[in-house]
Amino acid sequence: MEGDERKSEAAGAVERGTSLFNKMFDQGRKYGLYIWGIGQRLSALPEGLLSSSRILICQSIDEADDIKLAVTKLGFLSTGMMEDVAWMKFLQSLEQGRGVVRFTRLPPTPSGRKPDLMRSTLVQFPPVFAAMPSDRELDEILAAGGPA
């Protein structure tokens, strides 16, 4: 019972944004800590991670909560108060290999202007035509200390 109470207490702390992880997401860069967060549901990622992300990449999204969050985080809306149906439909209809990328924090250019990369950009990810290694090949790669 005591372990269950600790688990729910920790889950509540994460949800409230008071966890060690959210502090790490918020302040980690000044200590040289960089974190990659990858998920299939944007709305399932911790707010601390989303709000401190420098790069956001979204591909085709189906869930309404994720679409609304993506529209806001990609900068298509200044607030999450209104729904932009055109952008929402666009994010649902992205073909395989396409995505929208936004760099959210970049230093200003020498003239003091924000870089153009701060705008969301449609990208085409090149297909990777690499054969999957067999289990035996993976074992050999790992035994050798990684890929050559």
Protein backbone atom coordinates (compact mmCIF):
# COMPACT_ATOMS: atom_id res chain seq x y z
CA MET A 1 0.00 0.00 0.00
CA GLU A 2 2.78 2.40 0.93
CA GLY A 3 4.49 1.89 -2.47
CA ASP A 4 1.23 2.63 -4.30
CA GLU A 5 0.84 5.89 -2.38
CA ARG A 6 4.37 6.93 -3.35
CA LYS A 7 3.71 6.13 -7.00
CA SER A 8 0.52 8.20 -7.10
CA GLU A 9 2.25 11.03 -5.22
CA ALA A 10 5.07 11.04 -7.77
CA ALA A 11 2.60 10.93 -10.68
CA GLY A 12 0.74 13.89 -9.18
CA ALA A 13 3.98 15.84 -8.79
CA VAL A 14 4.88 15.26 -12.42
CA GLU A 15 1.40 16.37 -13.52
CA ARG A 16 1.61 19.53 -11.41
CA GLY A 17 5.01 20.28 -12.92
CA THR A 18 6.85 20.16 -9.60
CA SER A 19 9.00 17.14 -10.35
CA LEU A 20 12.74 16.90 -10.61
CA PHE A 21 12.23 16.11 -14.32
CA ASN A 22 10.47 19.42 -14.98
CA LYS A 23 13.28 21.28 -13.20
CA MET A 24 15.74 19.32 -15.33
CA PHE A 25 13.81 20.18 -18.54
CA ASP A 26 13.74 23.85 -17.55
CA GLN A 27 17.30 24.33 -16.28
CA GLY A 28 19.32 21.48 -17.76
CA ARG A 29 20.89 23.41 -20.65
CA LYS A 30 22.86 25.70 -18.35
CA TYR A 31 24.54 22.56 -16.99
CA GLY A 32 25.17 21.09 -20.45
CA LEU A 33 22.26 18.62 -20.24
CA TYR A 34 20.25 18.15 -23.42
CA ILE A 35 17.22 15.87 -23.50
CA TRP A 36 15.44 14.34 -26.49
CA GLY A 37 11.76 13.63 -25.95
CA ILE A 38 10.04 11.46 -28.53
CA GLY A 39 6.48 10.28 -28.36
CA GLN A 40 3.50 9.32 -30.42
CA ARG A 41 1.14 11.55 -28.41
CA LEU A 42 2.20 15.18 -28.07
CA SER A 43 -0.32 15.66 -25.26
CA ALA A 44 1.32 12.84 -23.26
CA LEU A 45 4.70 14.60 -23.07
CA PRO A 46 5.36 16.60 -19.89
CA GLU A 47 4.61 20.33 -20.19
CA GLY A 48 8.09 21.13 -18.88
CA LEU A 49 9.61 19.27 -21.81
CA LEU A 50 7.29 20.91 -24.35
CA SER A 51 7.78 24.43 -23.05
CA SER A 52 11.59 24.20 -23.00
CA SER A 53 12.03 22.39 -26.33
CA ARG A 54 14.27 24.04 -28.91
CA ILE A 55 13.12 21.88 -31.81
CA LEU A 56 9.62 20.53 -32.40
CA ILE A 57 8.94 18.04 -35.21
CA CYS A 58 5.37 16.93 -35.92
CA GLN A 59 4.29 14.41 -38.48
CA SER A 60 0.75 13.23 -39.24
CA ILE A 61 -1.42 13.64 -36.13
CA ASP A 62 -4.87 12.13 -35.59
CA GLU A 63 -5.92 12.84 -31.99
CA ALA A 64 -7.82 16.12 -31.42
CA ASP A 65 -5.88 17.01 -28.24
CA ASP A 66 -2.55 16.45 -30.00
CA ILE A 67 -3.62 18.49 -33.04
CA LYS A 68 -4.70 21.48 -30.95
CA LEU A 69 -1.44 21.37 -28.98
CA ALA A 70 0.63 21.03 -32.17
CA VAL A 71 -1.14 23.98 -33.81
CA THR A 72 -0.32 26.11 -30.76
CA LYS A 73 3.27 24.89 -30.24
CA LEU A 74 4.14 25.19 -33.94
CA GLY A 75 3.19 28.86 -33.75
CA PHE A 76 0.23 28.80 -36.12
CA LEU A 77 -1.83 30.50 -33.39
CA SER A 78 -0.75 33.07 -30.85
CA THR A 79 -2.87 31.33 -28.20
CA GLY A 80 -4.63 28.00 -27.89
CA MET A 81 -7.99 29.74 -27.49
CA MET A 82 -9.18 29.46 -31.08
CA GLU A 83 -9.10 26.54 -33.46
CA ASP A 84 -7.59 26.98 -36.87
CA VAL A 85 -9.42 24.32 -38.86
CA ALA A 86 -7.22 24.64 -41.95
CA TRP A 87 -4.02 23.94 -39.98
CA MET A 88 -5.70 21.15 -38.06
CA LYS A 89 -6.74 19.43 -41.29
CA PHE A 90 -3.26 20.00 -42.72
CA LEU A 91 -1.58 18.27 -39.76
CA GLN A 92 -3.97 15.32 -40.09
CA SER A 93 -3.25 14.90 -43.79
CA LEU A 94 0.57 14.96 -43.83
CA GLU A 95 1.87 12.18 -46.04
CA GLN A 96 4.37 9.64 -44.76
CA GLY A 97 7.84 11.17 -44.72
CA ARG A 98 6.58 14.76 -44.37
CA GLY A 99 6.56 16.82 -41.22
CA VAL A 100 6.54 20.31 -39.83
CA VAL A 101 9.64 21.52 -38.00
CA ARG A 102 9.97 24.55 -35.78
CA PHE A 103 13.05 25.79 -33.98
CA THR A 104 11.64 27.58 -30.96
CA ARG A 105 14.80 29.05 -29.48
CA LEU A 106 17.62 30.31 -31.63
CA PRO A 107 20.01 33.17 -30.96
CA PRO A 108 19.27 36.36 -32.92
CA THR A 109 21.18 37.09 -36.12
CA PRO A 110 24.02 39.66 -35.96
CA SER A 111 21.48 42.34 -36.97
CA GLY A 112 19.36 41.41 -33.93
CA ARG A 113 16.59 39.84 -36.06
CA LYS A 114 15.11 36.46 -35.20
CA PRO A 115 16.33 33.82 -37.69
CA ASP A 116 13.89 32.68 -40.39
CA LEU A 117 14.12 29.17 -38.95
CA MET A 118 11.91 30.36 -36.08
CA ARG A 119 8.97 29.94 -38.46
CA SER A 120 7.42 26.51 -38.88
CA THR A 121 8.68 24.81 -42.04
CA LEU A 122 7.32 21.89 -44.04
CA VAL A 123 10.02 19.27 -44.62
CA GLN A 124 10.36 16.04 -46.56
CA PHE A 125 12.37 13.43 -44.69
CA PRO A 126 14.37 11.26 -47.10
CA PRO A 127 13.52 7.57 -47.04
CA VAL A 128 16.11 5.35 -45.42
CA PHE A 129 16.67 2.23 -47.47
CA ALA A 130 18.80 0.25 -45.09
CA ALA A 131 18.28 -3.43 -44.56
CA MET A 132 17.50 -4.34 -40.97
CA PRO A 133 20.41 -6.27 -39.46
CA SER A 134 19.76 -9.81 -38.33
CA ASP A 135 19.91 -10.75 -34.66
CA ARG A 136 23.33 -12.28 -35.23
CA GLU A 137 24.61 -9.09 -36.91
CA LEU A 138 23.25 -6.99 -34.02
CA ASP A 139 25.01 -9.23 -31.51
CA GLU A 140 28.29 -8.80 -33.43
CA ILE A 141 27.86 -5.03 -33.60
CA LEU A 142 27.15 -4.79 -29.88
CA ALA A 143 30.04 -7.12 -29.01
CA ALA A 144 32.38 -4.90 -31.06
CA GLY A 145 31.29 -1.83 -29.09
CA GLY A 146 28.93 -0.29 -31.66
CA PRO A 147 28.79 0.39 -35.39
CA ALA A 148 32.02 1.09 -37.23
